[in-house]
PDB file of N, CA and C in Angstrom:
ATOM      1  N   MET A   1      -5.214   1.714   3.566  1.00  0.00           N
ATOM      2  CA  MET A   1      -6.334   0.430   1.913  1.00  0.00           C
ATOM      3  C   MET A   1      -5.122   1.506   0.946  1.00  0.00           C
ATOM      4  N   GLN A   2      -4.899   0.634  -0.304  1.00  0.00           N
ATOM      5  CA  GLN A   2      -4.443   1.067  -1.755  1.00  0.00           C
ATOM      6  C   GLN A   2      -5.422   0.278  -2.724  1.00  0.00           C
ATOM      7  N   ILE A   3      -5.603   1.449  -3.710  1.00  0.00           N
ATOM      8  CA  ILE A   3      -6.798   0.645  -4.537  1.00  0.00           C
ATOM      9  C   ILE A   3      -5.702   0.837  -5.640  1.00  0.00           C
ATOM     10  N   ALA A   4      -5.651  -0.415  -6.569  1.00  0.00           N
ATOM     11  CA  ALA A   4      -4.915   0.426  -7.833  1.00  0.00           C
ATOM     12  C   ALA A   4      -6.308  -0.080  -9.248  1.00  0.00           C
ATOM     13  N   ILE A   5      -6.167   0.930 -10.029  1.00  0.00           N
ATOM     14  CA  ILE A   5      -6.672   1.010 -10.921  1.00  0.00           C
ATOM     15  C   ILE A   5      -6.414   0.949 -12.305  1.00  0.00           C
ATOM     16  N   THR A   6      -6.380  -0.200 -13.053  1.00  0.00           N
ATOM     17  CA  THR A   6      -5.760  -0.322 -14.819  1.00  0.00           C
ATOM     18  C   THR A   6      -6.417   0.472 -15.716  1.00  0.00           C
ATOM     19  N   SER A   7      -5.448   1.220 -16.156  1.00  0.00           N
ATOM     20  CA  SER A   7      -5.419   2.401 -16.965  1.00  0.00           C
ATOM     21  C   SER A   7      -4.023   2.960 -18.004  1.00  0.00           C
ATOM     22  N   GLN A   8      -4.588   1.513 -19.300  1.00  0.00           N
ATOM     23  CA  GLN A   8      -3.387   1.684 -20.282  1.00  0.00           C
ATOM     24  C   GLN A   8      -3.389   2.616 -20.261  1.00  0.00           C
ATOM     25  N   ASN A   9      -4.244   3.304 -21.102  1.00  0.00           N
ATOM     26  CA  ASN A   9      -4.110   4.185 -21.433  1.00  0.00           C
ATOM     27  C   ASN A   9      -3.813   6.113 -20.473  1.00  0.00           C
ATOM     28  N   ARG A  10      -3.928   6.016 -19.552  1.00  0.00           N
ATOM     29  CA  ARG A  10      -3.397   6.463 -18.212  1.00  0.00           C
ATOM     30  C   ARG A  10      -4.909   7.404 -18.152  1.00  0.00           C
ATOM     31  N   ARG A  11      -6.458   7.722 -18.945  1.00  0.00           N
ATOM     32  CA  ARG A  11      -7.456   8.488 -18.805  1.00  0.00           C
ATOM     33  C   ARG A  11      -8.852   7.493 -18.927  1.00  0.00           C
ATOM     34  N   THR A  12      -8.780   6.597 -19.174  1.00  0.00           N
ATOM     35  CA  THR A  12      -9.414   5.870 -18.564  1.00  0.00           C
ATOM     36  C   THR A  12      -9.353   4.380 -17.429  1.00  0.00           C
ATOM     37  N   ILE A  13     -10.318   3.717 -17.243  1.00  0.00           N
ATOM     38  CA  ILE A  13     -10.569   1.967 -17.110  1.00  0.00           C
ATOM     39  C   ILE A  13     -10.164   1.697 -17.777  1.00  0.00           C
ATOM     40  N   THR A  14      -9.125   0.244 -17.989  1.00  0.00           N
ATOM     41  CA  THR A  14      -9.526  -0.403 -19.428  1.00  0.00           C
ATOM     42  C   THR A  14      -9.725  -1.591 -18.902  1.00  0.00           C
ATOM     43  N   GLU A  15      -9.580  -2.450 -19.843  1.00  0.00           N
ATOM     44  CA  GLU A  15      -9.751  -4.361 -20.075  1.00  0.00           C
ATOM     45  C   GLU A  15      -8.238  -4.656 -20.056  1.00  0.00           C
ATOM     46  N   HIS A  16      -8.502  -5.571 -19.874  1.00  0.00           N
ATOM     47  CA  HIS A  16      -7.189  -7.070 -19.983  1.00  0.00           C
ATOM     48  C   HIS A  16      -6.533  -7.176 -18.829  1.00  0.00           C
ATOM     49  N   ALA A  17      -6.924  -6.242 -17.658  1.00  0.00           N
ATOM     50  CA  ALA A  17      -5.937  -6.738 -16.972  1.00  0.00           C
ATOM     51  C   ALA A  17      -4.702  -7.293 -16.172  1.00  0.00           C
ATOM     52  N   GLY A  18      -4.535  -8.830 -17.162  1.00  0.00           N
ATOM     53  CA  GLY A  18      -3.624  -9.093 -17.295  1.00  0.00           C
ATOM     54  C   GLY A  18      -2.237  -8.804 -18.401  1.00  0.00           C
ATOM     55  N   LYS A  19      -2.682  -7.688 -18.589  1.00  0.00           N
ATOM     56  CA  LYS A  19      -1.657  -7.381 -20.092  1.00  0.00           C
ATOM     57  C   LYS A  19      -1.572  -6.080 -19.279  1.00  0.00           C
ATOM     58  N   CYS A  20      -2.674  -5.002 -18.761  1.00  0.00           N
ATOM     59  CA  CYS A  20      -2.260  -4.238 -18.331  1.00  0.00           C
ATOM     60  C   CYS A  20      -0.670  -4.008 -18.102  1.00  0.00           C
ATOM     61  N   ARG A  21       0.015  -2.652 -18.318  1.00  0.00           N
ATOM     62  CA  ARG A  21       1.042  -2.338 -17.762  1.00  0.00           C
ATOM     63  C   ARG A  21       1.131  -0.561 -17.367  1.00  0.00           C
ATOM     64  N   ASN A  22       0.068   0.020 -16.996  1.00  0.00           N
ATOM     65  CA  ASN A  22      -0.571   1.200 -16.737  1.00  0.00           C
ATOM     66  C   ASN A  22      -1.325   1.619 -15.337  1.00  0.00           C
ATOM     67  N   PHE A  23      -1.525   2.020 -14.277  1.00  0.00           N
ATOM     68  CA  PHE A  23      -1.502   1.866 -13.399  1.00  0.00           C
ATOM     69  C   PHE A  23      -1.958   2.588 -12.311  1.00  0.00           C
ATOM     70  N   TRP A  24      -3.923   3.554 -11.559  1.00  0.00           N
ATOM     71  CA  TRP A  24      -3.556   3.915 -11.246  1.00  0.00           C
ATOM     72  C   TRP A  24      -3.035   4.018  -9.391  1.00  0.00           C
ATOM     73  N   LEU A  25      -2.757   4.123  -8.820  1.00  0.00           N
ATOM     74  CA  LEU A  25      -3.027   3.601  -7.549  1.00  0.00           C
ATOM     75  C   LEU A  25      -3.154   4.560  -6.039  1.00  0.00           C
ATOM     76  N   TYR A  26      -4.662   4.405  -5.510  1.00  0.00           N
ATOM     77  CA  TYR A  26      -5.196   5.665  -5.482  1.00  0.00           C
ATOM     78  C   TYR A  26      -4.656   5.075  -3.685  1.00  0.00           C
ATOM     79  N   ASP A  27      -4.251   6.520  -2.535  1.00  0.00           N
ATOM     80  CA  ASP A  27      -3.613   5.938  -1.127  1.00  0.00           C
ATOM     81  C   ASP A  27      -5.420   5.938  -0.869  1.00  0.00           C
ATOM     82  N   ILE A  28      -5.833   5.575   0.029  1.00  0.00           N
ATOM     83  CA  ILE A  28      -6.911   6.291   0.862  1.00  0.00           C
ATOM     84  C   ILE A  28      -6.880   5.734   2.062  1.00  0.00           C
ATOM     85  N   ASP A  29      -7.357   6.658   3.219  1.00  0.00           N
ATOM     86  CA  ASP A  29      -7.376   6.913   4.517  1.00  0.00           C
ATOM     87  C   ASP A  29      -8.475   7.514   5.190  1.00  0.00           C
ATOM     88  N   ALA A  30      -8.725   7.226   5.656  1.00  0.00           N
ATOM     89  CA  ALA A  30     -10.325   7.539   6.729  1.00  0.00           C
ATOM     90  C   ALA A  30     -11.355   7.128   5.342  1.00  0.00           C
ATOM     91  N   ASN A  31     -11.215   6.600   4.776  1.00  0.00           N
ATOM     92  CA  ASN A  31     -12.386   6.399   3.562  1.00  0.00           C
ATOM     93  C   ASN A  31     -12.302   7.662   2.304  1.00  0.00           C
ATOM     94  N   ARG A  32     -11.028   7.746   2.570  1.00  0.00           N
ATOM     95  CA  ARG A  32     -11.158   9.769   1.571  1.00  0.00           C
ATOM     96  C   ARG A  32      -9.841   9.019   0.642  1.00  0.00           C
ATOM     97  N   VAL A  33      -9.322   9.610  -0.734  1.00  0.00           N
ATOM     98  CA  VAL A  33      -8.325   9.598  -1.301  1.00  0.00           C
ATOM     99  C   VAL A  33      -7.527  10.376  -0.553  1.00  0.00           C
ATOM    100  N   ALA A  34      -5.915   9.959  -0.281  1.00  0.00           N
ATOM    101  CA  ALA A  34      -5.255  10.662   0.955  1.00  0.00           C
ATOM    102  C   ALA A  34      -4.201  11.291  -0.194  1.00  0.00           C
ATOM    103  N   GLY A  35      -3.459  10.080  -2.068  1.00  0.00           N
ATOM    104  CA  GLY A  35      -2.788  10.470  -2.706  1.00  0.00           C
ATOM    105  C   GLY A  35      -2.877   9.061  -4.255  1.00  0.00           C
ATOM    106  N   LYS A  36      -2.916  10.064  -5.248  1.00  0.00           N
ATOM    107  CA  LYS A  36      -2.955   9.697  -6.110  1.00  0.00           C
ATOM    108  C   LYS A  36      -1.681   9.343  -7.477  1.00  0.00           C
ATOM    109  N   ARG A  37      -1.279   8.240  -7.707  1.00  0.00           N
ATOM    110  CA  ARG A  37       0.187   7.803  -8.822  1.00  0.00           C
ATOM    111  C   ARG A  37      -0.322   6.598  -9.661  1.00  0.00           C
ATOM    112  N   LEU A  38       0.055   7.711 -10.964  1.00  0.00           N
ATOM    113  CA  LEU A  38       0.306   6.645 -12.206  1.00  0.00           C
ATOM    114  C   LEU A  38       1.371   5.790 -11.391  1.00  0.00           C
ATOM    115  N   VAL A  39       1.771   3.859 -11.834  1.00  0.00           N
ATOM    116  CA  VAL A  39       2.448   3.210 -11.815  1.00  0.00           C
ATOM    117  C   VAL A  39       2.400   2.855 -13.257  1.00  0.00           C
ATOM    118  N   GLU A  40       3.869   2.144 -13.754  1.00  0.00           N
ATOM    119  CA  GLU A  40       3.607   1.724 -14.985  1.00  0.00           C
ATOM    120  C   GLU A  40       5.261   0.482 -14.715  1.00  0.00           C
ATOM    121  N   LEU A  41       4.781  -0.209 -15.108  1.00  0.00           N
ATOM    122  CA  LEU A  41       5.202  -2.461 -15.049  1.00  0.00           C
ATOM    123  C   LEU A  41       6.099  -2.267 -15.740  1.00  0.00           C
ATOM    124  N   PRO A  42       7.203  -2.417 -15.751  1.00  0.00           N
ATOM    125  CA  PRO A  42       8.021  -3.049 -17.398  1.00  0.00           C
ATOM    126  C   PRO A  42       7.198  -4.519 -17.876  1.00  0.00           C
ATOM    127  N   LEU A  43       7.320  -4.699 -19.486  1.00  0.00           N
ATOM    128  CA  LEU A  43       6.250  -6.380 -19.322  1.00  0.00           C
ATOM    129  C   LEU A  43       6.704  -7.261 -19.044  1.00  0.00           C
ATOM    130  N   ALA A  44       7.376  -7.401 -18.436  1.00  0.00           N
ATOM    131  CA  ALA A  44       7.552  -8.766 -17.064  1.00  0.00           C
ATOM    132  C   ALA A  44       7.437  -9.033 -16.132  1.00  0.00           C
ATOM    133  N   GLU A  45       6.789  -7.728 -15.709  1.00  0.00           N
ATOM    134  CA  GLU A  45       5.494  -7.326 -14.563  1.00  0.00           C
ATOM    135  C   GLU A  45       4.137  -7.455 -14.979  1.00  0.00           C
ATOM    136  N   SER A  46       3.959  -7.623 -15.611  1.00  0.00           N
ATOM    137  CA  SER A  46       2.293  -7.927 -15.977  1.00  0.00           C
ATOM    138  C   SER A  46       2.096  -8.762 -15.163  1.00  0.00           C
ATOM    139  N   PHE A  47       0.780  -9.023 -15.392  1.00  0.00           N
ATOM    140  CA  PHE A  47       0.119 -10.702 -14.588  1.00  0.00           C
ATOM    141  C   PHE A  47       0.296 -11.376 -15.145  1.00  0.00           C
ATOM    142  N   HIS A  48      -0.039 -11.041 -16.971  1.00  0.00           N
ATOM    143  CA  HIS A  48      -0.165 -12.117 -17.463  1.00  0.00           C
ATOM    144  C   HIS A  48       1.228 -12.783 -17.478  1.00  0.00           C
ATOM    145  N   ALA A  49       2.853 -11.741 -17.468  1.00  0.00           N
ATOM    146  CA  ALA A  49       3.805 -12.532 -17.853  1.00  0.00           C
ATOM    147  C   ALA A  49       4.136 -12.982 -16.209  1.00  0.00           C
ATOM    148  N   SER A  50       4.490 -12.138 -15.074  1.00  0.00           N
ATOM    149  CA  SER A  50       5.067 -12.560 -14.063  1.00  0.00           C
ATOM    150  C   SER A  50       4.141 -14.453 -13.528  1.00  0.00           C
ATOM    151  N   GLY A  51       2.739 -14.369 -13.828  1.00  0.00           N
ATOM    152  CA  GLY A  51       2.703 -15.512 -13.111  1.00  0.00           C
ATOM    153  C   GLY A  51       2.769 -16.228 -11.977  1.00  0.00           C
ATOM    154  N   SER A  52       3.018 -15.228 -11.180  1.00  0.00           N
ATOM    155  CA  SER A  52       2.183 -15.755  -9.501  1.00  0.00           C
ATOM    156  C   SER A  52       2.165 -14.391  -8.866  1.00  0.00           C
ATOM    157  N   GLY A  53       1.457 -14.387  -7.737  1.00  0.00           N
ATOM    158  CA  GLY A  53       1.778 -13.095  -6.915  1.00  0.00           C
ATOM    159  C   GLY A  53       1.465 -12.349  -7.593  1.00  0.00           C
ATOM    160  N   LEU A  54       1.927 -11.038  -6.984  1.00  0.00           N
ATOM    161  CA  LEU A  54       1.567  -9.680  -7.462  1.00  0.00           C
ATOM    162  C   LEU A  54       2.975  -8.570  -7.915  1.00  0.00           C
ATOM    163  N   PRO A  55       2.723  -7.912  -8.899  1.00  0.00           N
ATOM    164  CA  PRO A  55       3.773  -7.403  -8.581  1.00  0.00           C
ATOM    165  C   PRO A  55       4.587  -6.025  -8.357  1.00  0.00           C
ATOM    166  N   ALA A  56       6.003  -6.306  -7.523  1.00  0.00           N
ATOM    167  CA  ALA A  56       6.406  -5.001  -6.607  1.00  0.00           C
ATOM    168  C   ALA A  56       5.526  -4.240  -6.529  1.00  0.00           C
ATOM    169  N   PRO A  57       5.279  -3.461  -8.211  1.00  0.00           N
ATOM    170  CA  PRO A  57       4.686  -1.456  -7.419  1.00  0.00           C
ATOM    171  C   PRO A  57       3.274  -1.865  -7.250  1.00  0.00           C
ATOM    172  N   LEU A  58       2.666  -3.431  -6.957  1.00  0.00           N
ATOM    173  CA  LEU A  58       1.412  -3.164  -6.356  1.00  0.00           C
ATOM    174  C   LEU A  58       0.450  -4.450  -5.868  1.00  0.00           C
ATOM    175  N   ALA A  59       2.283  -4.458  -4.642  1.00  0.00           N
ATOM    176  CA  ALA A  59       2.302  -5.549  -3.684  1.00  0.00           C
ATOM    177  C   ALA A  59       1.836  -4.934  -3.005  1.00  0.00           C
ATOM    178  N   GLY A  60       1.215  -3.963  -2.137  1.00  0.00           N
ATOM    179  CA  GLY A  60       0.581  -3.216  -1.347  1.00  0.00           C
ATOM    180  C   GLY A  60      -1.322  -3.424  -1.089  1.00  0.00           C
ATOM    181  N   ILE A  61      -1.287  -3.433  -2.544  1.00  0.00           N
ATOM    182  CA  ILE A  61      -2.735  -2.937  -2.485  1.00  0.00           C
ATOM    183  C   ILE A  61      -4.166  -4.076  -1.923  1.00  0.00           C
ATOM    184  N   ASN A  62      -5.399  -3.758  -1.617  1.00  0.00           N
ATOM    185  CA  ASN A  62      -6.355  -4.256  -1.554  1.00  0.00           C
ATOM    186  C   ASN A  62      -7.290  -4.950  -2.303  1.00  0.00           C
ATOM    187  N   ALA A  63      -6.948  -3.744  -3.475  1.00  0.00           N
ATOM    188  CA  ALA A  63      -8.398  -3.944  -4.563  1.00  0.00           C
ATOM    189  C   ALA A  63      -7.838  -3.092  -5.963  1.00  0.00           C
ATOM    190  N   LEU A  64      -8.583  -4.441  -7.218  1.00  0.00           N
ATOM    191  CA  LEU A  64      -8.121  -3.638  -8.157  1.00  0.00           C
ATOM    192  C   LEU A  64      -9.513  -3.654  -9.041  1.00  0.00           C
ATOM    193  N   ILE A  65      -9.716  -1.949  -9.167  1.00  0.00           N
ATOM    194  CA  ILE A  65     -10.315  -1.770 -10.546  1.00  0.00           C
ATOM    195  C   ILE A  65     -10.265  -1.938 -12.022  1.00  0.00           C
ATOM    196  N   THR A  66     -11.571  -2.958 -12.694  1.00  0.00           N
ATOM    197  CA  THR A  66     -10.707  -3.282 -13.782  1.00  0.00           C
ATOM    198  C   THR A  66     -12.063  -3.322 -15.085  1.00  0.00           C
ATOM    199  N   GLY A  67     -12.213  -3.472 -15.789  1.00  0.00           N
ATOM    200  CA  GLY A  67     -13.059  -3.842 -17.184  1.00  0.00           C
ATOM    201  C   GLY A  67     -12.843  -4.821 -17.126  1.00  0.00           C
ATOM    202  N   SER A  68     -11.883  -5.977 -16.848  1.00  0.00           N
ATOM    203  CA  SER A  68     -12.239  -7.084 -17.268  1.00  0.00           C
ATOM    204  C   SER A  68     -10.892  -8.107 -17.289  1.00  0.00           C
ATOM    205  N   MET A  69     -10.774  -9.013 -16.705  1.00  0.00           N
ATOM    206  CA  MET A  69      -9.926  -9.966 -16.281  1.00  0.00           C
ATOM    207  C   MET A  69     -10.544 -11.300 -16.335  1.00  0.00           C
ATOM    208  N   GLY A  70      -8.884 -12.198 -16.374  1.00  0.00           N
ATOM    209  CA  GLY A  70      -9.783 -13.555 -16.980  1.00  0.00           C
ATOM    210  C   GLY A  70     -10.090 -14.483 -15.410  1.00  0.00           C
ATOM    211  N   SER A  71     -10.177 -15.590 -15.903  1.00  0.00           N
ATOM    212  CA  SER A  71     -10.439 -15.701 -14.849  1.00  0.00           C
ATOM    213  C   SER A  71      -9.738 -16.640 -13.791  1.00  0.00           C
ATOM    214  N   HIS A  72      -8.219 -17.113 -14.195  1.00  0.00           N
ATOM    215  CA  HIS A  72      -7.097 -16.924 -13.293  1.00  0.00           C
ATOM    216  C   HIS A  72      -6.891 -16.183 -13.004  1.00  0.00           C
ATOM    217  N   LEU A  73      -6.483 -15.012 -13.354  1.00  0.00           N
ATOM    218  CA  LEU A  73      -6.546 -13.926 -12.155  1.00  0.00           C
ATOM    219  C   LEU A  73      -6.870 -13.698 -11.051  1.00  0.00           C
ATOM    220  N   PHE A  74      -8.466 -13.526 -11.757  1.00  0.00           N
ATOM    221  CA  PHE A  74      -9.319 -12.889 -10.679  1.00  0.00           C
ATOM    222  C   PHE A  74      -9.102 -13.878  -9.728  1.00  0.00           C
ATOM    223  N   ARG A  75      -9.601 -15.376  -9.772  1.00  0.00           N
ATOM    224  CA  ARG A  75      -8.734 -16.639  -8.585  1.00  0.00           C
ATOM    225  C   ARG A  75      -7.788 -16.156  -7.661  1.00  0.00           C
ATOM    226  N   ARG A  76      -7.111 -15.672  -8.720  1.00  0.00           N
ATOM    227  CA  ARG A  76      -5.405 -15.269  -8.096  1.00  0.00           C
ATOM    228  C   ARG A  76      -5.761 -14.352  -7.468  1.00  0.00           C
ATOM    229  N   LEU A  77      -5.833 -13.032  -7.696  1.00  0.00           N
ATOM    230  CA  LEU A  77      -6.115 -12.439  -6.781  1.00  0.00           C
ATOM    231  C   LEU A  77      -6.960 -12.580  -5.139  1.00  0.00           C
ATOM    232  N   ILE A  78      -8.295 -13.387  -5.543  1.00  0.00           N
ATOM    233  CA  ILE A  78      -8.747 -13.621  -4.305  1.00  0.00           C
ATOM    234  C   ILE A  78      -8.084 -14.402  -3.690  1.00  0.00           C
ATOM    235  N   ASP A  79      -6.942 -15.208  -4.015  1.00  0.00           N
ATOM    236  CA  ASP A  79      -6.075 -16.091  -3.042  1.00  0.00           C
ATOM    237  C   ASP A  79      -5.112 -15.001  -2.647  1.00  0.00           C
ATOM    238  N   LEU A  80      -4.946 -13.807  -3.211  1.00  0.00           N
ATOM    239  CA  LEU A  80      -3.937 -13.554  -2.623  1.00  0.00           C
ATOM    240  C   LEU A  80      -4.127 -11.721  -1.561  1.00  0.00           C
ATOM    241  N   GLY A  81      -5.506 -12.119  -1.335  1.00  0.00           N
ATOM    242  CA  GLY A  81      -6.366 -11.732  -0.662  1.00  0.00           C
ATOM    243  C   GLY A  81      -6.370  -9.926  -1.490  1.00  0.00           C
ATOM    244  N   VAL A  82      -6.896  -9.969  -2.308  1.00  0.00           N
ATOM    245  CA  VAL A  82      -6.756  -9.132  -2.952  1.00  0.00           C
ATOM    246  C   VAL A  82      -8.169  -8.380  -3.826  1.00  0.00           C
ATOM    247  N   GLN A  83      -9.081  -7.988  -3.410  1.00  0.00           N
ATOM    248  CA  GLN A  83     -10.530  -7.619  -4.010  1.00  0.00           C
ATOM    249  C   GLN A  83     -10.820  -7.517  -5.501  1.00  0.00           C
ATOM    250  N   PRO A  84     -11.283  -7.971  -6.910  1.00  0.00           N
ATOM    251  CA  PRO A  84     -11.156  -7.746  -7.761  1.00  0.00           C
ATOM    252  C   PRO A  84     -12.345  -7.231  -7.721  1.00  0.00           C
ATOM    253  N   LEU A  85     -12.473  -5.972  -8.844  1.00  0.00           N
ATOM    254  CA  LEU A  85     -13.760  -5.006  -9.211  1.00  0.00           C
ATOM    255  C   LEU A  85     -13.510  -5.588 -10.768  1.00  0.00           C
ATOM    256  N   LEU A  86     -15.270  -5.428 -11.324  1.00  0.00           N
ATOM    257  CA  LEU A  86     -15.325  -5.286 -12.614  1.00  0.00           C
ATOM    258  C   LEU A  86     -15.614  -4.521 -13.339  1.00  0.00           C
ATOM    259  N   ALA A  87     -15.139  -3.250 -12.791  1.00  0.00           N
ATOM    260  CA  ALA A  87     -15.743  -1.599 -12.966  1.00  0.00           C
ATOM    261  C   ALA A  87     -17.251  -1.266 -14.562  1.00  0.00           C
ATOM    262  N   CYS A  88     -18.098  -1.248 -14.434  1.00  0.00           N
ATOM    263  CA  CYS A  88     -18.547  -0.598 -15.214  1.00  0.00           C
ATOM    264  C   CYS A  88     -18.216   0.569 -15.664  1.00  0.00           C
ATOM    265  N   GLU A  89     -18.108   1.718 -14.185  1.00  0.00           N
ATOM    266  CA  GLU A  89     -17.779   2.793 -14.876  1.00  0.00           C
ATOM    267  C   GLU A  89     -16.088   2.692 -15.782  1.00  0.00           C
ATOM    268  N   GLU A  90     -16.170   4.099 -16.467  1.00  0.00           N
ATOM    269  CA  GLU A  90     -15.068   3.962 -16.873  1.00  0.00           C
ATOM    270  C   GLU A  90     -14.265   4.850 -16.366  1.00  0.00           C
ATOM    271  N   ASP A  91     -14.207   5.841 -15.982  1.00  0.00           N
ATOM    272  CA  ASP A  91     -13.891   7.230 -15.264  1.00  0.00           C
ATOM    273  C   ASP A  91     -13.297   7.132 -13.752  1.00  0.00           C
ATOM    274  N   PRO A  92     -11.394   6.193 -13.648  1.00  0.00           N
ATOM    275  CA  PRO A  92     -10.956   6.464 -12.693  1.00  0.00           C
ATOM    276  C   PRO A  92     -11.395   6.834 -11.369  1.00  0.00           C
ATOM    277  N   ASP A  93     -11.644   8.066 -11.332  1.00  0.00           N
ATOM    278  CA  ASP A  93     -11.393   9.371 -10.066  1.00  0.00           C
ATOM    279  C   ASP A  93     -12.513   8.706  -9.701  1.00  0.00           C
ATOM    280  N   ARG A  94     -14.095   8.270 -10.518  1.00  0.00           N
ATOM    281  CA  ARG A  94     -15.204   8.837 -10.342  1.00  0.00           C
ATOM    282  C   ARG A  94     -15.018   7.293  -9.669  1.00  0.00           C
ATOM    283  N   ALA A  95     -14.905   6.309 -10.291  1.00  0.00           N
ATOM    284  CA  ALA A  95     -14.586   5.115  -9.636  1.00  0.00           C
ATOM    285  C   ALA A  95     -14.105   4.802  -8.578  1.00  0.00           C
ATOM    286  N   ILE A  96     -13.245   5.021  -7.518  1.00  0.00           N
ATOM    287  CA  ILE A  96     -13.077   5.777  -6.986  1.00  0.00           C
ATOM    288  C   ILE A  96     -14.121   6.004  -5.426  1.00  0.00           C
ATOM    289  N   ALA A  97     -14.425   7.381  -6.385  1.00  0.00           N
ATOM    290  CA  ALA A  97     -15.259   8.258  -5.863  1.00  0.00           C
ATOM    291  C   ALA A  97     -16.543   6.895  -5.158  1.00  0.00           C
ATOM    292  N   ASP A  98     -17.043   6.384  -6.168  1.00  0.00           N
ATOM    293  CA  ASP A  98     -18.543   5.232  -6.179  1.00  0.00           C
ATOM    294  C   ASP A  98     -18.318   4.304  -5.240  1.00  0.00           C
ATOM    295  N   PHE A  99     -16.945   3.540  -5.539  1.00  0.00           N
ATOM    296  CA  PHE A  99     -16.289   2.651  -4.077  1.00  0.00           C
ATOM    297  C   PHE A  99     -16.625   2.533  -2.767  1.00  0.00           C
ATOM    298  N   LEU A 100     -16.286   3.902  -2.563  1.00  0.00           N
ATOM    299  CA  LEU A 100     -15.724   4.224  -1.322  1.00  0.00           C
ATOM    300  C   LEU A 100     -17.366   5.199  -1.038  1.00  0.00           C
ATOM    301  N   ALA A 101     -18.504   5.446  -1.678  1.00  0.00           N
ATOM    302  CA  ALA A 101     -19.213   5.349  -1.194  1.00  0.00           C
ATOM    303  C   ALA A 101     -20.097   4.279  -1.403  1.00  0.00           C
ATOM    304  N   GLY A 102     -19.452   3.008  -1.767  1.00  0.00           N
ATOM    305  CA  GLY A 102     -19.977   1.776  -2.083  1.00  0.00           C
ATOM    306  C   GLY A 102     -20.836   1.512  -2.662  1.00  0.00           C
ATOM    307  N   CYS A 103     -21.424   2.496  -3.926  1.00  0.00           N
ATOM    308  CA  CYS A 103     -22.593   2.255  -4.799  1.00  0.00           C
ATOM    309  C   CYS A 103     -21.700   1.759  -6.221  1.00  0.00           C
ATOM    310  N   LEU A 104     -20.149   1.541  -6.432  1.00  0.00           N
ATOM    311  CA  LEU A 104     -19.495   1.148  -7.570  1.00  0.00           C
ATOM    312  C   LEU A 104     -20.490  -0.290  -8.154  1.00  0.00           C
ATOM    313  N   LEU A 105     -21.114   0.581  -9.769  1.00  0.00           N
ATOM    314  CA  LEU A 105     -21.532  -0.570 -10.007  1.00  0.00           C
ATOM    315  C   LEU A 105     -20.465  -1.269 -11.154  1.00  0.00           C
ATOM    316  N   THR A 106     -20.663  -2.729 -10.688  1.00  0.00           N
ATOM    317  CA  THR A 106     -19.668  -3.872 -10.850  1.00  0.00           C
ATOM    318  C   THR A 106     -20.342  -4.905 -12.127  1.00  0.00           C
ATOM    319  N   ARG A 107     -19.803  -6.155 -12.423  1.00  0.00           N
ATOM    320  CA  ARG A 107     -20.015  -6.510 -13.696  1.00  0.00           C
ATOM    321  C   ARG A 107     -19.881  -8.109 -12.506  1.00  0.00           C
ATOM    322  N   SER A 108     -20.708  -8.693 -12.850  1.00  0.00           N
ATOM    323  CA  SER A 108     -20.894 -10.557 -12.280  1.00  0.00           C
ATOM    324  C   SER A 108     -19.259 -11.266 -12.762  1.00  0.00           C
ATOM    325  N   PRO A 109     -18.657 -11.815 -11.695  1.00  0.00           N
ATOM    326  CA  PRO A 109     -17.790 -12.581 -11.681  1.00  0.00           C
ATOM    327  C   PRO A 109     -17.678 -13.465 -12.939  1.00  0.00           C
ATOM    328  N   ALA A 110     -19.117 -13.761 -13.030  1.00  0.00           N
ATOM    329  CA  ALA A 110     -19.421 -14.395 -14.445  1.00  0.00           C
ATOM    330  C   ALA A 110     -18.774 -14.021 -15.882  1.00  0.00           C
ATOM    331  N   TYR A 111     -18.029 -12.699 -15.361  1.00  0.00           N
ATOM    332  CA  TYR A 111     -17.799 -11.570 -16.323  1.00  0.00           C
ATOM    333  C   TYR A 111     -16.412 -11.873 -16.877  1.00  0.00           C
ATOM    334  N   ALA A 112     -15.617 -12.014 -15.849  1.00  0.00           N
ATOM    335  CA  ALA A 112     -14.158 -13.036 -15.797  1.00  0.00           C
ATOM    336  C   ALA A 112     -14.340 -14.031 -16.633  1.00  0.00           C
ATOM    337  N   CYS A 113     -13.818 -13.647 -18.339  1.00  0.00           N
ATOM    338  CA  CYS A 113     -13.164 -15.024 -18.749  1.00  0.00           C
ATOM    339  C   CYS A 113     -12.381 -16.179 -18.637  1.00  0.00           C
ATOM    340  N   ASP A 114     -12.734 -17.672 -18.768  1.00  0.00           N
ATOM    341  CA  ASP A 114     -12.278 -18.878 -18.719  1.00  0.00           C
ATOM    342  C   ASP A 114     -11.273 -18.308 -19.522  1.00  0.00           C
ATOM    343  N   ASP A 115     -10.354 -17.986 -20.312  1.00  0.00           N
ATOM    344  CA  ASP A 115      -9.523 -17.747 -21.172  1.00  0.00           C
ATOM    345  C   ASP A 115      -9.047 -16.575 -21.317  1.00  0.00           C
ATOM    346  N   GLU A 116      -7.364 -16.420 -20.967  1.00  0.00           N
ATOM    347  CA  GLU A 116      -7.235 -15.134 -20.743  1.00  0.00           C
ATOM    348  C   GLU A 116      -7.182 -13.775 -22.850  1.00  0.00           C
ATOM    349  N   HIS A 117      -7.735 -14.265 -23.019  1.00  0.00           N
ATOM    350  CA  HIS A 117      -6.975 -14.182 -24.360  1.00  0.00           C
ATOM    351  C   HIS A 117      -8.062 -14.307 -25.256  1.00  0.00           C
ATOM    352  N   HIS A 118      -9.386 -14.935 -24.325  1.00  0.00           N
ATOM    353  CA  HIS A 118     -10.518 -13.830 -25.366  1.00  0.00           C
ATOM    354  C   HIS A 118     -10.478 -12.561 -25.490  1.00  0.00           C
ATOM    355  N   PRO A 119     -11.188 -12.410 -26.540  1.00  0.00           N
ATOM    356  CA  PRO A 119     -12.012 -10.084 -26.350  1.00  0.00           C
ATOM    357  C   PRO A 119     -12.755 -10.239 -25.883  1.00  0.00           C
ATOM    358  N   HIS A 120     -12.823  -8.992 -25.663  1.00  0.00           N
ATOM    359  CA  HIS A 120     -14.097  -8.784 -24.639  1.00  0.00           C
ATOM    360  C   HIS A 120     -14.618  -7.776 -25.230  1.00  0.00           C
TER     361      HIS A 120
END
């Protein structure tokens, strides 16, 4: 299993998943973190710019943890078989630990904006 986390600043879980270009990718094996690496997307491969599908470096993800995203991206991820999670947690490692323990606090999907450009 692979989980991507939006982290534009490379330290915290950031909002605006559609415009984010930096992601922590966690490889999960037997419910434990088996690896972690930073993936930096070119602007043309961001969710917002690419328009459909998943950016190639994120093609194998099963879940995306972020602070917020537009409703269009939320639905797109679900259609692609990726679980979108709007986390309350800001620390990527803590969010992964909570996810694996089954206790990641998330916001309601209603938190996903109808307008991708709406400020949160």
